N, C-alpha and C. Protein backbone atom coordinates (compact mmCIF):
# COMPACT_ATOMS: atom_id res chain seq x y z
N MET A 1 0.84 -1.19 0.00
CA MET A 1 0.00 0.00 0.00
C MET A 1 0.88 1.25 0.00
N ILE A 2 0.58 2.15 -0.88
CA ILE A 2 1.30 3.42 -0.96
C ILE A 2 0.77 4.34 0.13
N LYS A 3 1.69 4.89 0.93
CA LYS A 3 1.27 5.82 1.98
C LYS A 3 1.14 7.21 1.36
N PRO A 4 0.01 7.85 1.62
CA PRO A 4 -0.26 9.15 0.99
C PRO A 4 0.40 10.31 1.71
N LYS A 5 0.51 11.40 0.99
CA LYS A 5 0.84 12.67 1.62
C LYS A 5 -0.50 13.29 1.99
N ILE A 6 -0.61 13.75 3.21
CA ILE A 6 -1.87 14.31 3.71
C ILE A 6 -1.65 15.77 4.09
N LEU A 7 -2.57 16.62 3.65
CA LEU A 7 -2.58 18.03 4.02
C LEU A 7 -3.77 18.23 4.96
N ILE A 8 -3.50 18.73 6.16
CA ILE A 8 -4.56 19.00 7.13
C ILE A 8 -4.75 20.50 7.22
N VAL A 9 -5.99 20.95 7.03
CA VAL A 9 -6.29 22.38 6.99
C VAL A 9 -7.30 22.73 8.07
N ASP A 10 -6.87 23.56 9.02
CA ASP A 10 -7.77 24.00 10.09
C ASP A 10 -7.14 25.22 10.75
N ASP A 11 -7.96 26.15 11.18
CA ASP A 11 -7.41 27.34 11.84
C ASP A 11 -7.18 27.11 13.33
N ASP A 12 -7.58 25.97 13.86
CA ASP A 12 -7.35 25.62 15.26
C ASP A 12 -6.04 24.85 15.35
N GLN A 13 -4.99 25.51 15.85
CA GLN A 13 -3.67 24.90 15.88
C GLN A 13 -3.60 23.69 16.82
N ASP A 14 -4.37 23.70 17.89
CA ASP A 14 -4.39 22.54 18.79
C ASP A 14 -4.98 21.33 18.08
N LEU A 15 -6.02 21.56 17.30
CA LEU A 15 -6.64 20.47 16.55
C LEU A 15 -5.70 19.93 15.48
N LEU A 16 -4.98 20.82 14.82
CA LEU A 16 -3.98 20.39 13.83
C LEU A 16 -2.94 19.48 14.48
N ALA A 17 -2.46 19.88 15.65
CA ALA A 17 -1.45 19.09 16.36
C ALA A 17 -2.02 17.72 16.76
N LEU A 18 -3.27 17.69 17.19
CA LEU A 18 -3.92 16.44 17.57
C LEU A 18 -4.06 15.51 16.37
N TYR A 19 -4.57 16.04 15.25
CA TYR A 19 -4.70 15.23 14.02
C TYR A 19 -3.34 14.66 13.63
N LYS A 20 -2.34 15.52 13.60
CA LYS A 20 -1.00 15.12 13.16
C LYS A 20 -0.44 14.03 14.07
N MET A 21 -0.54 14.21 15.37
CA MET A 21 -0.02 13.23 16.31
C MET A 21 -0.74 11.88 16.14
N PHE A 22 -2.05 11.91 16.03
CA PHE A 22 -2.83 10.68 15.87
C PHE A 22 -2.45 9.95 14.58
N LEU A 23 -2.38 10.68 13.48
CA LEU A 23 -2.08 10.05 12.19
C LEU A 23 -0.65 9.51 12.15
N GLU A 24 0.27 10.22 12.76
CA GLU A 24 1.65 9.72 12.81
C GLU A 24 1.73 8.43 13.63
N GLN A 25 0.95 8.35 14.71
CA GLN A 25 0.91 7.12 15.50
C GLN A 25 0.36 5.95 14.68
N LYS A 26 -0.45 6.25 13.67
CA LYS A 26 -1.02 5.22 12.81
C LYS A 26 -0.14 4.93 11.59
N GLY A 27 1.06 5.53 11.57
CA GLY A 27 2.01 5.24 10.51
C GLY A 27 1.91 6.15 9.29
N LEU A 28 1.10 7.17 9.38
CA LEU A 28 0.97 8.13 8.27
C LEU A 28 1.88 9.31 8.59
N ASN A 29 3.07 9.30 7.99
CA ASN A 29 4.10 10.26 8.39
C ASN A 29 4.29 11.43 7.45
N GLU A 30 3.73 11.37 6.26
CA GLU A 30 3.89 12.48 5.33
C GLU A 30 2.71 13.42 5.49
N ILE A 31 2.83 14.31 6.47
CA ILE A 31 1.73 15.20 6.82
C ILE A 31 2.21 16.64 6.76
N GLU A 32 1.39 17.47 6.12
CA GLU A 32 1.67 18.90 6.05
C GLU A 32 0.47 19.62 6.66
N LEU A 33 0.72 20.74 7.30
CA LEU A 33 -0.34 21.50 7.97
C LEU A 33 -0.54 22.85 7.29
N ALA A 34 -1.81 23.26 7.21
CA ALA A 34 -2.15 24.59 6.69
C ALA A 34 -3.15 25.22 7.67
N TYR A 35 -3.02 26.52 7.89
CA TYR A 35 -3.79 27.19 8.93
C TYR A 35 -5.04 27.90 8.42
N ASN A 36 -5.22 27.93 7.11
CA ASN A 36 -6.44 28.51 6.52
C ASN A 36 -6.50 28.10 5.05
N GLY A 37 -7.56 28.49 4.38
CA GLY A 37 -7.75 28.10 2.99
C GLY A 37 -6.67 28.62 2.05
N GLN A 38 -6.26 29.85 2.25
CA GLN A 38 -5.21 30.44 1.40
C GLN A 38 -3.89 29.68 1.58
N ASP A 39 -3.55 29.40 2.82
CA ASP A 39 -2.34 28.64 3.13
C ASP A 39 -2.40 27.26 2.47
N ALA A 40 -3.58 26.63 2.51
CA ALA A 40 -3.75 25.30 1.91
C ALA A 40 -3.50 25.34 0.40
N ILE A 41 -4.07 26.33 -0.27
CA ILE A 41 -3.90 26.46 -1.72
C ILE A 41 -2.42 26.67 -2.06
N LEU A 42 -1.76 27.57 -1.33
CA LEU A 42 -0.35 27.86 -1.58
C LEU A 42 0.52 26.62 -1.34
N LYS A 43 0.27 25.90 -0.26
CA LYS A 43 1.06 24.71 0.04
C LYS A 43 0.79 23.61 -0.99
N TYR A 44 -0.45 23.49 -1.42
CA TYR A 44 -0.77 22.49 -2.44
C TYR A 44 -0.04 22.80 -3.75
N LYS A 45 -0.15 24.05 -4.18
CA LYS A 45 0.48 24.46 -5.44
C LYS A 45 2.00 24.30 -5.40
N SER A 46 2.61 24.59 -4.25
CA SER A 46 4.07 24.59 -4.17
C SER A 46 4.65 23.21 -3.85
N SER A 47 3.82 22.24 -3.53
CA SER A 47 4.31 20.90 -3.21
C SER A 47 4.80 20.19 -4.45
N ILE A 48 5.99 19.61 -4.35
CA ILE A 48 6.49 18.79 -5.46
C ILE A 48 5.66 17.51 -5.51
N LYS A 49 5.53 16.83 -4.37
CA LYS A 49 4.63 15.68 -4.27
C LYS A 49 3.32 16.21 -3.70
N LYS A 50 2.30 16.25 -4.55
CA LYS A 50 1.01 16.81 -4.12
C LYS A 50 0.34 15.89 -3.10
N PRO A 51 -0.31 16.50 -2.10
CA PRO A 51 -1.09 15.68 -1.17
C PRO A 51 -2.21 14.97 -1.92
N SER A 52 -2.40 13.69 -1.63
CA SER A 52 -3.49 12.97 -2.28
C SER A 52 -4.75 12.98 -1.42
N ILE A 53 -4.58 13.32 -0.13
CA ILE A 53 -5.71 13.43 0.79
C ILE A 53 -5.61 14.75 1.54
N ILE A 54 -6.74 15.43 1.62
CA ILE A 54 -6.79 16.69 2.36
C ILE A 54 -7.92 16.61 3.38
N ILE A 55 -7.61 16.94 4.62
CA ILE A 55 -8.62 17.05 5.66
C ILE A 55 -8.90 18.54 5.79
N MET A 56 -10.12 18.96 5.50
CA MET A 56 -10.44 20.38 5.35
C MET A 56 -11.54 20.83 6.30
N ASP A 57 -11.25 21.89 7.04
CA ASP A 57 -12.27 22.56 7.86
C ASP A 57 -13.05 23.49 6.94
N HIS A 58 -14.20 23.95 7.40
CA HIS A 58 -15.00 24.86 6.57
C HIS A 58 -14.75 26.32 6.92
N ARG A 59 -15.07 26.70 8.14
CA ARG A 59 -14.96 28.11 8.53
C ARG A 59 -13.56 28.44 9.00
N MET A 60 -12.90 29.28 8.21
CA MET A 60 -11.55 29.73 8.55
C MET A 60 -11.42 31.18 8.11
N PRO A 61 -10.50 31.92 8.71
CA PRO A 61 -10.31 33.30 8.27
C PRO A 61 -9.85 33.34 6.81
N GLY A 62 -10.30 34.34 6.09
CA GLY A 62 -9.91 34.48 4.68
C GLY A 62 -10.72 33.56 3.80
N ILE A 63 -10.06 32.64 3.15
CA ILE A 63 -10.71 31.74 2.21
C ILE A 63 -11.30 30.55 2.96
N SER A 64 -12.58 30.28 2.71
CA SER A 64 -13.26 29.17 3.38
C SER A 64 -12.75 27.82 2.85
N GLY A 65 -13.09 26.78 3.57
CA GLY A 65 -12.74 25.44 3.14
C GLY A 65 -13.36 25.09 1.80
N ILE A 66 -14.59 25.54 1.58
CA ILE A 66 -15.26 25.26 0.30
C ILE A 66 -14.50 25.90 -0.85
N ASP A 67 -14.14 27.17 -0.70
CA ASP A 67 -13.42 27.85 -1.78
C ASP A 67 -12.03 27.26 -1.99
N ALA A 68 -11.37 26.88 -0.90
CA ALA A 68 -10.05 26.26 -1.03
C ALA A 68 -10.18 24.92 -1.75
N MET A 69 -11.21 24.14 -1.40
CA MET A 69 -11.42 22.86 -2.05
C MET A 69 -11.65 23.05 -3.56
N LYS A 70 -12.46 24.04 -3.93
CA LYS A 70 -12.71 24.31 -5.35
C LYS A 70 -11.40 24.55 -6.10
N LYS A 71 -10.56 25.42 -5.54
CA LYS A 71 -9.28 25.75 -6.19
C LYS A 71 -8.37 24.53 -6.31
N ILE A 72 -8.30 23.75 -5.25
CA ILE A 72 -7.43 22.57 -5.26
C ILE A 72 -7.94 21.54 -6.26
N LEU A 73 -9.25 21.32 -6.29
CA LEU A 73 -9.82 20.34 -7.22
C LEU A 73 -9.70 20.81 -8.67
N GLU A 74 -9.61 22.12 -8.90
CA GLU A 74 -9.34 22.63 -10.25
C GLU A 74 -7.93 22.23 -10.69
N ILE A 75 -7.01 22.17 -9.75
CA ILE A 75 -5.63 21.77 -10.04
C ILE A 75 -5.56 20.26 -10.27
N ASN A 76 -6.23 19.51 -9.38
CA ASN A 76 -6.21 18.04 -9.50
C ASN A 76 -7.51 17.49 -8.92
N ASN A 77 -8.40 17.07 -9.80
CA ASN A 77 -9.71 16.60 -9.33
C ASN A 77 -9.67 15.18 -8.76
N LYS A 78 -8.50 14.57 -8.71
CA LYS A 78 -8.38 13.23 -8.11
C LYS A 78 -8.01 13.32 -6.62
N THR A 79 -7.72 14.52 -6.13
CA THR A 79 -7.41 14.72 -4.72
C THR A 79 -8.64 14.38 -3.89
N LYS A 80 -8.44 13.63 -2.84
CA LYS A 80 -9.54 13.23 -1.95
C LYS A 80 -9.63 14.24 -0.82
N VAL A 81 -10.74 14.99 -0.78
CA VAL A 81 -10.94 15.99 0.27
C VAL A 81 -11.95 15.44 1.27
N ILE A 82 -11.51 15.30 2.51
CA ILE A 82 -12.38 14.88 3.59
C ILE A 82 -12.72 16.14 4.39
N PHE A 83 -13.96 16.57 4.32
CA PHE A 83 -14.40 17.76 5.05
C PHE A 83 -14.67 17.36 6.49
N ALA A 84 -14.11 18.11 7.41
CA ALA A 84 -14.33 17.89 8.85
C ALA A 84 -14.83 19.21 9.42
N SER A 85 -16.14 19.29 9.67
CA SER A 85 -16.71 20.57 10.06
C SER A 85 -17.92 20.38 10.97
N ALA A 86 -18.13 21.36 11.84
CA ALA A 86 -19.34 21.39 12.67
C ALA A 86 -20.51 21.98 11.88
N ASP A 87 -20.22 22.53 10.70
CA ASP A 87 -21.25 23.14 9.86
C ASP A 87 -21.90 22.09 8.97
N CYS A 88 -22.78 21.25 9.58
CA CYS A 88 -23.38 20.19 8.77
C CYS A 88 -24.30 20.73 7.68
N ILE A 89 -24.62 22.01 7.74
CA ILE A 89 -25.44 22.62 6.70
C ILE A 89 -24.74 22.59 5.33
N VAL A 90 -23.41 22.50 5.32
CA VAL A 90 -22.68 22.50 4.05
C VAL A 90 -22.37 21.08 3.55
N LYS A 91 -22.80 20.07 4.30
CA LYS A 91 -22.48 18.68 3.94
C LYS A 91 -22.86 18.34 2.50
N TYR A 92 -24.10 18.56 2.13
CA TYR A 92 -24.55 18.17 0.79
C TYR A 92 -23.91 19.02 -0.29
N GLU A 93 -23.63 20.27 0.04
CA GLU A 93 -22.95 21.15 -0.92
C GLU A 93 -21.54 20.62 -1.23
N VAL A 94 -20.77 20.29 -0.21
CA VAL A 94 -19.40 19.85 -0.46
C VAL A 94 -19.36 18.46 -1.10
N ILE A 95 -20.29 17.60 -0.73
CA ILE A 95 -20.34 16.27 -1.36
C ILE A 95 -20.71 16.43 -2.84
N SER A 96 -21.64 17.33 -3.14
CA SER A 96 -22.02 17.56 -4.55
C SER A 96 -20.89 18.20 -5.34
N MET A 97 -19.94 18.83 -4.63
CA MET A 97 -18.78 19.46 -5.29
C MET A 97 -17.59 18.51 -5.33
N SER A 98 -17.80 17.24 -5.08
CA SER A 98 -16.78 16.19 -5.17
C SER A 98 -15.90 16.02 -3.94
N ALA A 99 -16.35 16.49 -2.79
CA ALA A 99 -15.63 16.13 -1.57
C ALA A 99 -15.76 14.62 -1.42
N TYR A 100 -14.71 13.98 -0.96
CA TYR A 100 -14.73 12.52 -0.80
C TYR A 100 -15.65 12.10 0.35
N ALA A 101 -15.62 12.86 1.44
CA ALA A 101 -16.44 12.52 2.61
C ALA A 101 -16.66 13.77 3.45
N PHE A 102 -17.63 13.68 4.35
CA PHE A 102 -17.92 14.76 5.30
C PHE A 102 -18.04 14.14 6.68
N ILE A 103 -17.30 14.69 7.62
CA ILE A 103 -17.35 14.23 9.01
C ILE A 103 -17.81 15.40 9.87
N ASN A 104 -18.85 15.15 10.67
CA ASN A 104 -19.37 16.15 11.59
C ASN A 104 -18.46 16.29 12.81
N LYS A 105 -18.01 17.52 13.08
CA LYS A 105 -17.27 17.78 14.32
C LYS A 105 -18.28 17.94 15.44
N PRO A 106 -18.01 17.48 16.63
CA PRO A 106 -16.85 16.67 17.01
C PRO A 106 -17.05 15.22 16.56
N PHE A 107 -15.95 14.53 16.34
CA PHE A 107 -16.01 13.14 15.90
C PHE A 107 -14.92 12.34 16.59
N GLU A 108 -15.04 11.05 16.51
CA GLU A 108 -14.01 10.15 17.03
C GLU A 108 -12.89 10.06 16.00
N MET A 109 -11.66 10.01 16.46
CA MET A 109 -10.53 9.95 15.54
C MET A 109 -10.55 8.68 14.68
N VAL A 110 -11.14 7.61 15.20
CA VAL A 110 -11.23 6.38 14.40
C VAL A 110 -12.11 6.59 13.18
N GLU A 111 -13.08 7.50 13.27
CA GLU A 111 -13.93 7.81 12.12
C GLU A 111 -13.10 8.50 11.03
N LEU A 112 -12.25 9.43 11.44
CA LEU A 112 -11.36 10.09 10.49
C LEU A 112 -10.43 9.06 9.84
N LEU A 113 -9.86 8.19 10.66
CA LEU A 113 -8.96 7.16 10.14
C LEU A 113 -9.68 6.26 9.15
N TYR A 114 -10.92 5.92 9.42
CA TYR A 114 -11.71 5.09 8.51
C TYR A 114 -11.79 5.75 7.12
N PHE A 115 -12.14 7.03 7.07
CA PHE A 115 -12.26 7.71 5.78
C PHE A 115 -10.91 7.86 5.08
N ILE A 116 -9.86 8.07 5.85
CA ILE A 116 -8.52 8.14 5.26
C ILE A 116 -8.15 6.80 4.64
N GLU A 117 -8.40 5.72 5.37
CA GLU A 117 -8.10 4.38 4.83
C GLU A 117 -8.91 4.10 3.57
N GLN A 118 -10.18 4.50 3.56
CA GLN A 118 -11.02 4.31 2.37
C GLN A 118 -10.46 5.11 1.20
N ALA A 119 -10.03 6.34 1.46
CA ALA A 119 -9.46 7.19 0.41
C ALA A 119 -8.16 6.59 -0.12
N ILE A 120 -7.33 6.03 0.77
CA ILE A 120 -6.09 5.38 0.34
C ILE A 120 -6.41 4.19 -0.55
N ASP A 121 -7.35 3.35 -0.11
CA ASP A 121 -7.74 2.18 -0.91
C ASP A 121 -8.25 2.60 -2.28
N SER A 122 -9.07 3.62 -2.31
CA SER A 122 -9.64 4.12 -3.57
C SER A 122 -8.53 4.64 -4.49
N THR A 123 -7.58 5.38 -3.92
CA THR A 123 -6.48 5.93 -4.70
C THR A 123 -5.59 4.81 -5.24
N ASN A 124 -5.29 3.82 -4.40
CA ASN A 124 -4.43 2.71 -4.81
C ASN A 124 -5.07 1.88 -5.92
N LYS A 125 -6.39 1.73 -5.89
CA LYS A 125 -7.09 0.97 -6.94
C LYS A 125 -7.05 1.69 -8.27
N ASN A 126 -6.99 3.02 -8.22
CA ASN A 126 -7.02 3.81 -9.46
C ASN A 126 -5.65 4.04 -10.05
N GLU A 127 -4.59 3.60 -9.36
CA GLU A 127 -3.23 3.84 -9.88
C GLU A 127 -2.69 2.65 -10.61
């Protein structure tokens, strides 16, 4: 199994640290952090090895998660975006815009891991 590069996007730095620590404990070591939508777009564009999975928050200062996802998917529509947000009102919107999954905050970390594993399996089958 090919281990993916994961970009985690959230304006809550404590949450970013928690996600990163949990995923590293699960053997996912290629992790990059972005603190808002603009940062996510810049890091995605400048990455030599593009992240294949993005964990995206919705409400952030500047560019929202939805707008950041649109820009990133314009660059590569095979990127798997897992939306993690307390704003369940945007769930159907982001899924209709090709988000891979939507997780309601707060959630159990095993739920996030489940969607990441599904995204990895899906990506590996398509390569």
